[in-house]
Amino acid sequence: MPQQFNHGYALLIGVGESRYSRLSLPVTVNDTQAIYAALIDPELCAYPDNNDHIRVLNNKEATRDNILEGLQWLQESAKADPEATIFVYYSGHGLLNKEDNRYYLLQHDIKLTKLAASALSAEVFTEALRQIPAERLLVVIDSCHAAGMATSKDPEEIIREVEKVDIELADEFEDFQRVSPSKGFVEQLKQGKGRVVFTSSRGEEKSWIHPDGLYSIYTNHFLEALQGAANKPGDTEVKVSNLMNHLSKAVPESVRKFYQKEQTPNFDMATEDFVIAKLKGGKGFKGWQE
């Protein structure tokens, strides 16, 4: 009989449709919905399927206030459950202010005329995470998506569309740069006990969509890892190290295969390895002795 991952709590954020259409990323909603489905599947990750353990903010729900409210909920959950394992997943755009080197996550309700004031700054996001007293906390940020890539399934066409949109966005956001989370941001995120930070790419690398258009390549392989792609016979749980081992190999290989580009997942771990989900509902893979 499947076992539940009773101490698991997750907040999944997919910005999806932005107020500003050029920044809309429908694939991010596909990503969060797929991860949600895997987490609550009793035959996979086995998180309890209720609002006390997992919440999803997509499209219009992915506002600044709602994200901060979700992080507040995780803080309260961790206080009530000393054994809590916290998982925060953000999929959307991120921008670096060239003038002051501050990083911002672009939630649904940004205001273009007041971008820095309306976006979710790294400082505010980090401080909210710091208030979560869990000893096991995984933050995944997929925030350098190749824009404009959902109109074709041909890699060459996708690249041309991405380059076109990049030029347009660079003109409109001349004071900002679309990059992966800065080193300073990641360093802030991992401050505290039990923190692990994953980012889908490094520097100016893009996070590419799978040519089938369903998910980002990063999420596609993240889902594989949750299903045991890097586990061994006898394992009954998926650990952070299992995710790292699979993503570090599979993501660069797929991006090179489809796009002849580089995408290098980044991992910062300031704690010992820990379990993030059940494997096959706790049944895992049969051991060699069986």
C-alpha atoms as a PDB file:
ATOM      1  CA  MET A   1       0.000   0.000   0.000  1.00  0.00           C
ATOM      2  CA  PRO A   2       1.367   3.487  -0.877  1.00  0.00           C
ATOM      3  CA  GLN A   3       2.805   5.578   1.954  1.00  0.00           C
ATOM      4  CA  GLN A   4       2.084   9.294   2.235  1.00  0.00           C
ATOM      5  CA  PHE A   5       4.828  11.912   2.454  1.00  0.00           C
ATOM      6  CA  ASN A   6       3.014  13.460   5.402  1.00  0.00           C
ATOM      7  CA  HIS A   7       5.624  16.087   6.264  1.00  0.00           C
ATOM      8  CA  GLY A   8       5.876  17.494   2.730  1.00  0.00           C
ATOM      9  CA  TYR A   9       4.666  21.037   1.937  1.00  0.00           C
ATOM     10  CA  ALA A  10       4.943  22.674  -1.484  1.00  0.00           C
ATOM     11  CA  LEU A  11       4.256  26.070  -3.052  1.00  0.00           C
ATOM     12  CA  LEU A  12       4.333  25.983  -6.864  1.00  0.00           C
ATOM     13  CA  ILE A  13       4.352  29.272  -8.798  1.00  0.00           C
ATOM     14  CA  GLY A  14       3.862  29.498 -12.569  1.00  0.00           C
ATOM     15  CA  VAL A  15       3.555  33.087 -13.771  1.00  0.00           C
ATOM     16  CA  GLY A  16       2.044  32.047 -17.107  1.00  0.00           C
ATOM     17  CA  GLU A  17       0.001  34.909 -18.552  1.00  0.00           C
ATOM     18  CA  SER A  18       1.579  38.224 -17.601  1.00  0.00           C
ATOM     19  CA  ARG A  19      -0.191  41.579 -17.601  1.00  0.00           C
ATOM     20  CA  TYR A  20       2.363  42.398 -20.285  1.00  0.00           C
ATOM     21  CA  SER A  21       1.841  39.916 -23.127  1.00  0.00           C
ATOM     22  CA  ARG A  22       5.484  39.849 -24.250  1.00  0.00           C
ATOM     23  CA  LEU A  23       6.400  38.436 -20.851  1.00  0.00           C
ATOM     24  CA  SER A  24       3.720  35.745 -20.880  1.00  0.00           C
ATOM     25  CA  LEU A  25       5.038  32.189 -20.550  1.00  0.00           C
ATOM     26  CA  PRO A  26       2.202  29.651 -20.876  1.00  0.00           C
ATOM     27  CA  VAL A  27       4.672  26.774 -20.550  1.00  0.00           C
ATOM     28  CA  THR A  28       5.338  27.731 -16.921  1.00  0.00           C
ATOM     29  CA  VAL A  29       1.759  26.792 -16.042  1.00  0.00           C
ATOM     30  CA  ASN A  30       2.207  23.432 -17.763  1.00  0.00           C
ATOM     31  CA  ASP A  31       5.347  22.982 -15.669  1.00  0.00           C
ATOM     32  CA  THR A  32       3.688  23.667 -12.324  1.00  0.00           C
ATOM     33  CA  GLN A  33       0.628  21.593 -13.164  1.00  0.00           C
ATOM     34  CA  ALA A  34       2.810  18.617 -14.097  1.00  0.00           C
ATOM     35  CA  ILE A  35       4.876  18.900 -10.915  1.00  0.00           C
ATOM     36  CA  TYR A  36       1.694  19.247  -8.865  1.00  0.00           C
ATOM     37  CA  ALA A  37       0.272  16.100 -10.460  1.00  0.00           C
ATOM     38  CA  ALA A  38       3.463  14.163  -9.659  1.00  0.00           C
ATOM     39  CA  LEU A  39       3.603  15.410  -6.064  1.00  0.00           C
ATOM     40  CA  ILE A  40       0.039  14.420  -5.188  1.00  0.00           C
ATOM     41  CA  ASP A  41       0.094  11.104  -7.061  1.00  0.00           C
ATOM     42  CA  PRO A  42      -0.103   8.393  -4.355  1.00  0.00           C
ATOM     43  CA  GLU A  43       1.874   6.101  -6.666  1.00  0.00           C
ATOM     44  CA  LEU A  44       4.680   8.658  -7.080  1.00  0.00           C
ATOM     45  CA  CYS A  45       5.668  11.411  -4.622  1.00  0.00           C
ATOM     46  CA  ALA A  46       2.652  10.836  -2.348  1.00  0.00           C
ATOM     47  CA  TYR A  47       2.218  14.338  -0.897  1.00  0.00           C
ATOM     48  CA  PRO A  48      -1.193  14.680   0.794  1.00  0.00           C
ATOM     49  CA  ASP A  49      -3.623  16.098  -1.773  1.00  0.00           C
ATOM     50  CA  ASN A  50      -5.014  19.022   0.186  1.00  0.00           C
ATOM     51  CA  ASN A  51      -4.568  22.751   0.680  1.00  0.00           C
ATOM     52  CA  ASP A  52      -2.745  22.169   3.949  1.00  0.00           C
ATOM     53  CA  HIS A  53       0.182  20.570   2.130  1.00  0.00           C
ATOM     54  CA  ILE A  54       0.353  21.912  -1.414  1.00  0.00           C
ATOM     55  CA  ARG A  55      -0.702  25.140  -3.092  1.00  0.00           C
ATOM     56  CA  VAL A  56      -0.415  26.279  -6.705  1.00  0.00           C
ATOM     57  CA  LEU A  57      -0.352  29.877  -7.963  1.00  0.00           C
ATOM     58  CA  ASN A  58      -0.756  30.146 -11.733  1.00  0.00           C
ATOM     59  CA  ASN A  59      -1.538  33.015 -14.119  1.00  0.00           C
ATOM     60  CA  LYS A  60      -3.645  35.708 -12.393  1.00  0.00           C
ATOM     61  CA  GLU A  61      -3.168  34.011  -9.031  1.00  0.00           C
ATOM     62  CA  ALA A  62       0.620  34.448  -9.223  1.00  0.00           C
ATOM     63  CA  THR A  63       0.574  37.984  -7.823  1.00  0.00           C
ATOM     64  CA  ARG A  64       3.141  39.518  -5.522  1.00  0.00           C
ATOM     65  CA  ASP A  65       0.758  39.482  -2.561  1.00  0.00           C
ATOM     66  CA  ASN A  66      -0.343  35.901  -3.175  1.00  0.00           C
ATOM     67  CA  ILE A  67       3.239  34.673  -3.441  1.00  0.00           C
ATOM     68  CA  LEU A  68       4.164  36.344  -0.157  1.00  0.00           C
ATOM     69  CA  GLU A  69       0.993  34.984   1.429  1.00  0.00           C
ATOM     70  CA  GLY A  70       1.983  31.507   0.222  1.00  0.00           C
ATOM     71  CA  LEU A  71       5.406  31.852   1.806  1.00  0.00           C
ATOM     72  CA  GLN A  72       3.717  32.996   5.030  1.00  0.00           C
ATOM     73  CA  TRP A  73       1.607  29.818   4.897  1.00  0.00           C
ATOM     74  CA  LEU A  74       4.797  27.752   4.607  1.00  0.00           C
ATOM     75  CA  GLN A  75       6.231  29.580   7.613  1.00  0.00           C
ATOM     76  CA  GLU A  76       3.173  28.692   9.679  1.00  0.00           C
ATOM     77  CA  SER A  77       3.215  25.091   8.421  1.00  0.00           C
ATOM     78  CA  ALA A  78       6.864  24.659   9.379  1.00  0.00           C
ATOM     79  CA  LYS A  79       6.241  26.112  12.835  1.00  0.00           C
ATOM     80  CA  ALA A  80       3.395  23.643  13.368  1.00  0.00           C
ATOM     81  CA  ASP A  81       5.359  20.669  11.990  1.00  0.00           C
ATOM     82  CA  PRO A  82       8.998  20.417  13.181  1.00  0.00           C
ATOM     83  CA  GLU A  83       9.549  17.573  10.687  1.00  0.00           C
ATOM     84  CA  ALA A  84       8.423  19.663   7.709  1.00  0.00           C
ATOM     85  CA  THR A  85      10.148  19.420   4.337  1.00  0.00           C
ATOM     86  CA  ILE A  86       9.445  22.548   2.285  1.00  0.00           C
ATOM     87  CA  PHE A  87       9.540  22.765  -1.525  1.00  0.00           C
ATOM     88  CA  VAL A  88       9.189  26.118  -3.325  1.00  0.00           C
ATOM     89  CA  TYR A  89       9.120  26.165  -7.123  1.00  0.00           C
ATOM     90  CA  TYR A  90       9.078  29.374  -9.191  1.00  0.00           C
ATOM     91  CA  SER A  91       8.784  29.360 -12.974  1.00  0.00           C
ATOM     92  CA  GLY A  92       8.758  32.705 -14.767  1.00  0.00           C
ATOM     93  CA  HIS A  93      11.008  35.595 -15.759  1.00  0.00           C
ATOM     94  CA  GLY A  94      13.778  37.170 -13.711  1.00  0.00           C
ATOM     95  CA  LEU A  95      15.534  40.489 -14.338  1.00  0.00           C
ATOM     96  CA  LEU A  96      18.754  42.030 -13.063  1.00  0.00           C
ATOM     97  CA  ASN A  97      18.843  45.806 -12.635  1.00  0.00           C
ATOM     98  CA  LYS A  98      22.036  46.929 -14.378  1.00  0.00           C
ATOM     99  CA  GLU A  99      22.357  50.039 -12.227  1.00  0.00           C
ATOM    100  CA  ASP A 100      22.221  48.598  -8.718  1.00  0.00           C
ATOM    101  CA  ASN A 101      22.703  44.873  -9.454  1.00  0.00           C
ATOM    102  CA  ARG A 102      19.427  43.959  -7.733  1.00  0.00           C
ATOM    103  CA  TYR A 103      17.520  40.919  -8.950  1.00  0.00           C
ATOM    104  CA  TYR A 104      13.753  40.724  -9.417  1.00  0.00           C
ATOM    105  CA  LEU A 105      11.222  37.973 -10.062  1.00  0.00           C
ATOM    106  CA  LEU A 106       8.452  39.137 -12.405  1.00  0.00           C
ATOM    107  CA  GLN A 107       5.135  37.957 -11.033  1.00  0.00           C
ATOM    108  CA  HIS A 108       1.806  38.344 -12.864  1.00  0.00           C
ATOM    109  CA  ASP A 109       0.880  41.830 -11.653  1.00  0.00           C
ATOM    110  CA  ILE A 110       4.028  43.822 -12.429  1.00  0.00           C
ATOM    111  CA  LYS A 111       3.690  47.417 -13.607  1.00  0.00           C
ATOM    112  CA  LEU A 112       5.948  48.260 -16.529  1.00  0.00           C
ATOM    113  CA  THR A 113       6.222  51.917 -15.601  1.00  0.00           C
ATOM    114  CA  LYS A 114       7.253  50.976 -12.062  1.00  0.00           C
ATOM    115  CA  LEU A 115       9.051  47.703 -12.650  1.00  0.00           C
ATOM    116  CA  ALA A 116      11.492  47.799  -9.737  1.00  0.00           C
ATOM    117  CA  ALA A 117       8.804  48.961  -7.308  1.00  0.00           C
ATOM    118  CA  SER A 118       6.155  46.453  -8.402  1.00  0.00           C
ATOM    119  CA  ALA A 119       8.217  43.298  -9.055  1.00  0.00           C
ATOM    120  CA  LEU A 120       9.157  40.840  -6.315  1.00  0.00           C
ATOM    121  CA  SER A 121      12.690  41.763  -5.318  1.00  0.00           C
ATOM    122  CA  ALA A 122      15.274  39.193  -4.320  1.00  0.00           C
ATOM    123  CA  GLU A 123      15.516  40.829  -0.901  1.00  0.00           C
ATOM    124  CA  VAL A 124      11.798  40.532  -0.153  1.00  0.00           C
ATOM    125  CA  PHE A 125      11.588  36.973  -1.497  1.00  0.00           C
ATOM    126  CA  THR A 126      14.659  35.913   0.465  1.00  0.00           C
ATOM    127  CA  GLU A 127      13.463  37.476   3.714  1.00  0.00           C
ATOM    128  CA  ALA A 128      10.142  35.635   3.414  1.00  0.00           C
ATOM    129  CA  LEU A 129      11.992  32.349   2.903  1.00  0.00           C
ATOM    130  CA  ARG A 130      14.275  33.099   5.831  1.00  0.00           C
ATOM    131  CA  GLN A 131      11.243  33.223   8.122  1.00  0.00           C
ATOM    132  CA  ILE A 132      10.425  29.576   7.339  1.00  0.00           C
ATOM    133  CA  PRO A 133      11.911  27.570  10.247  1.00  0.00           C
ATOM    134  CA  ALA A 134      12.106  24.236   8.400  1.00  0.00           C
ATOM    135  CA  GLU A 135      15.361  22.269   8.571  1.00  0.00           C
ATOM    136  CA  ARG A 136      14.787  20.946   5.046  1.00  0.00           C
ATOM    137  CA  LEU A 137      13.938  23.516   2.379  1.00  0.00           C
ATOM    138  CA  LEU A 138      14.393  23.209  -1.390  1.00  0.00           C
ATOM    139  CA  VAL A 139      13.962  26.288  -3.602  1.00  0.00           C
ATOM    140  CA  VAL A 140      13.861  25.796  -7.373  1.00  0.00           C
ATOM    141  CA  ILE A 141      13.974  28.888  -9.600  1.00  0.00           C
ATOM    142  CA  ASP A 142      13.461  28.545 -13.338  1.00  0.00           C
ATOM    143  CA  SER A 143      13.647  32.222 -14.245  1.00  0.00           C
ATOM    144  CA  CYS A 144      15.553  32.705 -17.485  1.00  0.00           C
ATOM    145  CA  HIS A 145      13.057  31.267 -19.922  1.00  0.00           C
ATOM    146  CA  ALA A 146      13.691  31.688 -23.617  1.00  0.00           C
ATOM    147  CA  ALA A 147      10.797  33.961 -24.532  1.00  0.00           C
ATOM    148  CA  GLY A 148       8.490  33.629 -27.511  1.00  0.00           C
ATOM    149  CA  MET A 149       9.118  29.947 -27.946  1.00  0.00           C
ATOM    150  CA  ALA A 150       5.661  28.396 -27.888  1.00  0.00           C
ATOM    151  CA  THR A 151       4.745  29.150 -31.515  1.00  0.00           C
ATOM    152  CA  SER A 152       6.718  26.358 -33.182  1.00  0.00           C
ATOM    153  CA  LYS A 153       8.010  22.854 -32.555  1.00  0.00           C
ATOM    154  CA  ASP A 154      10.992  23.234 -34.867  1.00  0.00           C
ATOM    155  CA  PRO A 155      14.176  24.035 -32.878  1.00  0.00           C
ATOM    156  CA  GLU A 156      15.577  26.364 -35.561  1.00  0.00           C
ATOM    157  CA  GLU A 157      12.304  28.304 -35.727  1.00  0.00           C
ATOM    158  CA  ILE A 158      12.208  28.480 -31.940  1.00  0.00           C
ATOM    159  CA  ILE A 159      15.737  29.898 -31.804  1.00  0.00           C
ATOM    160  CA  ARG A 160      14.887  32.570 -34.406  1.00  0.00           C
ATOM    161  CA  GLU A 161      11.756  33.567 -32.496  1.00  0.00           C
ATOM    162  CA  VAL A 162      13.656  33.694 -29.200  1.00  0.00           C
ATOM    163  CA  GLU A 163      16.370  35.918 -30.678  1.00  0.00           C
ATOM    164  CA  LYS A 164      13.740  38.261 -32.116  1.00  0.00           C
ATOM    165  CA  VAL A 165      11.887  38.612 -28.824  1.00  0.00           C
ATOM    166  CA  ASP A 166      15.177  39.021 -26.938  1.00  0.00           C
ATOM    167  CA  ILE A 167      16.013  42.081 -29.042  1.00  0.00           C
ATOM    168  CA  GLU A 168      12.548  43.562 -28.503  1.00  0.00           C
ATOM    169  CA  LEU A 169      12.663  43.011 -24.739  1.00  0.00           C
ATOM    170  CA  ALA A 170      16.206  44.386 -24.497  1.00  0.00           C
ATOM    171  CA  ASP A 171      15.000  47.613 -26.115  1.00  0.00           C
ATOM    172  CA  GLU A 172      11.984  47.917 -23.828  1.00  0.00           C
ATOM    173  CA  PHE A 173      13.847  46.985 -20.642  1.00  0.00           C
ATOM    174  CA  GLU A 174      17.123  48.727 -21.354  1.00  0.00           C
ATOM    175  CA  ASP A 175      17.930  49.195 -17.665  1.00  0.00           C
ATOM    176  CA  PHE A 176      17.428  45.489 -16.959  1.00  0.00           C
ATOM    177  CA  GLN A 177      19.019  42.261 -18.104  1.00  0.00           C
ATOM    178  CA  ARG A 178      17.234  38.905 -18.391  1.00  0.00           C
ATOM    179  CA  VAL A 179      19.594  36.501 -16.662  1.00  0.00           C
ATOM    180  CA  SER A 180      19.526  33.577 -14.271  1.00  0.00           C
ATOM    181  CA  PRO A 181      19.498  34.423 -10.548  1.00  0.00           C
ATOM    182  CA  SER A 182      22.655  36.284  -9.609  1.00  0.00           C
ATOM    183  CA  LYS A 183      25.278  34.731  -7.339  1.00  0.00           C
ATOM    184  CA  GLY A 184      24.348  37.239  -4.669  1.00  0.00           C
ATOM    185  CA  PHE A 185      20.699  36.210  -4.825  1.00  0.00           C
ATOM    186  CA  VAL A 186      21.554  32.516  -4.575  1.00  0.00           C
ATOM    187  CA  GLU A 187      23.887  33.200  -1.648  1.00  0.00           C
ATOM    188  CA  GLN A 188      21.064  35.010   0.137  1.00  0.00           C
ATOM    189  CA  LEU A 189      18.619  32.199  -0.576  1.00  0.00           C
ATOM    190  CA  LYS A 190      20.793  29.509   0.948  1.00  0.00           C
ATOM    191  CA  GLN A 191      21.411  31.394   4.183  1.00  0.00           C
ATOM    192  CA  GLY A 192      20.025  29.439   7.102  1.00  0.00           C
ATOM    193  CA  LYS A 193      19.878  25.832   8.163  1.00  0.00           C
ATOM    194  CA  GLY A 194      18.889  23.129   5.703  1.00  0.00           C
ATOM    195  CA  ARG A 195      18.675  25.290   2.568  1.00  0.00           C
ATOM    196  CA  VAL A 196      19.145  23.971  -0.972  1.00  0.00           C
ATOM    197  CA  VAL A 197      18.810  26.193  -4.046  1.00  0.00           C
ATOM    198  CA  PHE A 198      18.403  24.953  -7.621  1.00  0.00           C
ATOM    199  CA  THR A 199      18.430  27.259 -10.638  1.00  0.00           C
ATOM    200  CA  SER A 200      17.687  25.976 -14.123  1.00  0.00           C
ATOM    201  CA  SER A 201      20.599  27.749 -15.814  1.00  0.00           C
ATOM    202  CA  ARG A 202      23.612  29.962 -15.186  1.00  0.00           C
ATOM    203  CA  GLY A 203      24.471  33.508 -16.192  1.00  0.00           C
ATOM    204  CA  GLU A 204      22.938  34.495 -19.515  1.00  0.00           C
ATOM    205  CA  GLU A 205      22.044  30.929 -20.481  1.00  0.00           C
ATOM    206  CA  LYS A 206      18.412  30.377 -21.408  1.00  0.00           C
ATOM    207  CA  SER A 207      16.007  27.817 -19.997  1.00  0.00           C
ATOM    208  CA  TRP A 208      14.716  26.110 -23.141  1.00  0.00           C
ATOM    209  CA  ILE A 209      11.355  24.515 -23.850  1.00  0.00           C
ATOM    210  CA  HIS A 210      11.152  20.934 -25.045  1.00  0.00           C
ATOM    211  CA  PRO A 211      10.361  20.980 -28.786  1.00  0.00           C
ATOM    212  CA  ASP A 212       7.131  19.090 -28.112  1.00  0.00           C
ATOM    213  CA  GLY A 213       5.928  22.304 -26.458  1.00  0.00           C
ATOM    214  CA  LEU A 214       4.611  20.701 -23.288  1.00  0.00           C
ATOM    215  CA  TYR A 215       7.198  21.611 -20.641  1.00  0.00           C
ATOM    216  CA  SER A 216      10.561  23.256 -20.269  1.00  0.00           C
ATOM    217  CA  ILE A 217      13.434  20.823 -20.731  1.00  0.00           C
ATOM    218  CA  TYR A 218      14.397  21.439 -17.108  1.00  0.00           C
ATOM    219  CA  THR A 219      10.938  20.528 -15.811  1.00  0.00           C
ATOM    220  CA  ASN A 220      10.759  17.514 -18.110  1.00  0.00           C
ATOM    221  CA  HIS A 221      13.882  16.072 -16.489  1.00  0.00           C
ATOM    222  CA  PHE A 222      12.815  17.227 -13.008  1.00  0.00           C
ATOM    223  CA  LEU A 223       9.689  15.099 -13.446  1.00  0.00           C
ATOM    224  CA  GLU A 224      11.837  12.154 -14.526  1.00  0.00           C
ATOM    225  CA  ALA A 225      13.927  12.554 -11.376  1.00  0.00           C
ATOM    226  CA  LEU A 226      10.810  12.591  -9.185  1.00  0.00           C
ATOM    227  CA  GLN A 227       9.923   9.263 -10.786  1.00  0.00           C
ATOM    228  CA  GLY A 228      13.281   7.758  -9.868  1.00  0.00           C
ATOM    229  CA  ALA A 229      15.480   8.390 -12.913  1.00  0.00           C
ATOM    230  CA  ALA A 230      18.581   8.646 -10.697  1.00  0.00           C
ATOM    231  CA  ASN A 231      17.549   6.178  -7.992  1.00  0.00           C
ATOM    232  CA  LYS A 232      18.912   2.688  -7.433  1.00  0.00           C
ATOM    233  CA  PRO A 233      17.301  -0.687  -6.683  1.00  0.00           C
ATOM    234  CA  GLY A 234      16.119  -0.761  -3.089  1.00  0.00           C
ATOM    235  CA  ASP A 235      15.482   2.996  -2.858  1.00  0.00           C
ATOM    236  CA  THR A 236      12.060   3.983  -1.534  1.00  0.00           C
ATOM    237  CA  GLU A 237      12.548   7.770  -1.444  1.00  0.00           C
ATOM    238  CA  VAL A 238      13.735  10.531  -3.757  1.00  0.00           C
ATOM    239  CA  LYS A 239      16.475  12.675  -2.242  1.00  0.00           C
ATOM    240  CA  VAL A 240      17.802  16.072  -3.260  1.00  0.00           C
ATOM    241  CA  SER A 241      20.981  14.384  -4.491  1.00  0.00           C
ATOM    242  CA  ASN A 242      18.920  12.197  -6.839  1.00  0.00           C
ATOM    243  CA  LEU A 243      17.426  15.310  -8.414  1.00  0.00           C
ATOM    244  CA  MET A 244      20.848  16.921  -8.752  1.00  0.00           C
ATOM    245  CA  ASN A 245      22.457  13.874 -10.319  1.00  0.00           C
ATOM    246  CA  HIS A 246      19.799  13.538 -12.997  1.00  0.00           C
ATOM    247  CA  LEU A 247      19.367  17.230 -13.818  1.00  0.00           C
ATOM    248  CA  SER A 248      23.103  17.923 -14.035  1.00  0.00           C
ATOM    249  CA  LYS A 249      23.496  15.324 -16.773  1.00  0.00           C
ATOM    250  CA  ALA A 250      20.152  15.196 -18.593  1.00  0.00           C
ATOM    251  CA  VAL A 251      19.437  18.928 -19.021  1.00  0.00           C
ATOM    252  CA  PRO A 252      22.713  19.898 -20.774  1.00  0.00           C
ATOM    253  CA  GLU A 253      22.504  16.800 -22.977  1.00  0.00           C
ATOM    254  CA  SER A 254      18.948  17.557 -24.120  1.00  0.00           C
ATOM    255  CA  VAL A 255      19.613  21.239 -24.796  1.00  0.00           C
ATOM    256  CA  ARG A 256      22.687  20.399 -26.862  1.00  0.00           C
ATOM    257  CA  LYS A 257      20.728  17.740 -28.731  1.00  0.00           C
ATOM    258  CA  PHE A 258      17.760  19.949 -29.622  1.00  0.00           C
ATOM    259  CA  TYR A 259      19.285  23.443 -29.819  1.00  0.00           C
ATOM    260  CA  GLN A 260      23.080  23.128 -29.900  1.00  0.00           C
ATOM    261  CA  LYS A 261      23.073  25.557 -26.958  1.00  0.00           C
ATOM    262  CA  GLU A 262      24.350  25.400 -23.387  1.00  0.00           C
ATOM    263  CA  GLN A 263      22.098  25.196 -20.335  1.00  0.00           C
ATOM    264  CA  THR A 264      23.821  24.314 -17.087  1.00  0.00           C
ATOM    265  CA  PRO A 265      21.674  23.732 -13.998  1.00  0.00           C
ATOM    266  CA  ASN A 266      23.125  25.192 -10.820  1.00  0.00           C
ATOM    267  CA  PHE A 267      22.904  23.683  -7.334  1.00  0.00           C
ATOM    268  CA  ASP A 268      23.831  25.277  -4.018  1.00  0.00           C
ATOM    269  CA  MET A 269      23.534  23.050  -0.996  1.00  0.00           C
ATOM    270  CA  ALA A 270      24.198  24.277   2.541  1.00  0.00           C
ATOM    271  CA  THR A 271      23.008  21.145   4.305  1.00  0.00           C
ATOM    272  CA  GLU A 272      23.136  17.381   4.322  1.00  0.00           C
ATOM    273  CA  ASP A 273      21.148  15.450   1.741  1.00  0.00           C
ATOM    274  CA  PHE A 274      17.452  15.023   2.542  1.00  0.00           C
ATOM    275  CA  VAL A 275      14.320  13.326   1.222  1.00  0.00           C
ATOM    276  CA  ILE A 276      12.029  15.456  -0.956  1.00  0.00           C
ATOM    277  CA  ALA A 277       9.405  12.833  -1.909  1.00  0.00           C
ATOM    278  CA  LYS A 278       8.406   9.203  -1.782  1.00  0.00           C
ATOM    279  CA  LEU A 279       9.558   6.985  -4.655  1.00  0.00           C
ATOM    280  CA  LYS A 280       6.710   5.139  -6.347  1.00  0.00           C
ATOM    281  CA  GLY A 281       4.464   5.844  -3.365  1.00  0.00           C
ATOM    282  CA  GLY A 282       7.107   4.492  -0.983  1.00  0.00           C
ATOM    283  CA  LYS A 283       7.251   1.142  -2.757  1.00  0.00           C
ATOM    284  CA  GLY A 284      10.349   2.234  -4.648  1.00  0.00           C
ATOM    285  CA  PHE A 285      12.355  -0.056  -6.872  1.00  0.00           C
ATOM    286  CA  LYS A 286      12.847  -3.683  -5.942  1.00  0.00           C
ATOM    287  CA  GLY A 287      16.193  -4.315  -4.298  1.00  0.00           C
ATOM    288  CA  TRP A 288      18.787  -6.695  -5.698  1.00  0.00           C
ATOM    289  CA  GLN A 289      18.062  -9.137  -2.865  1.00  0.00           C
ATOM    290  CA  GLU A 290      14.515  -9.611  -4.164  1.00  0.00           C
END
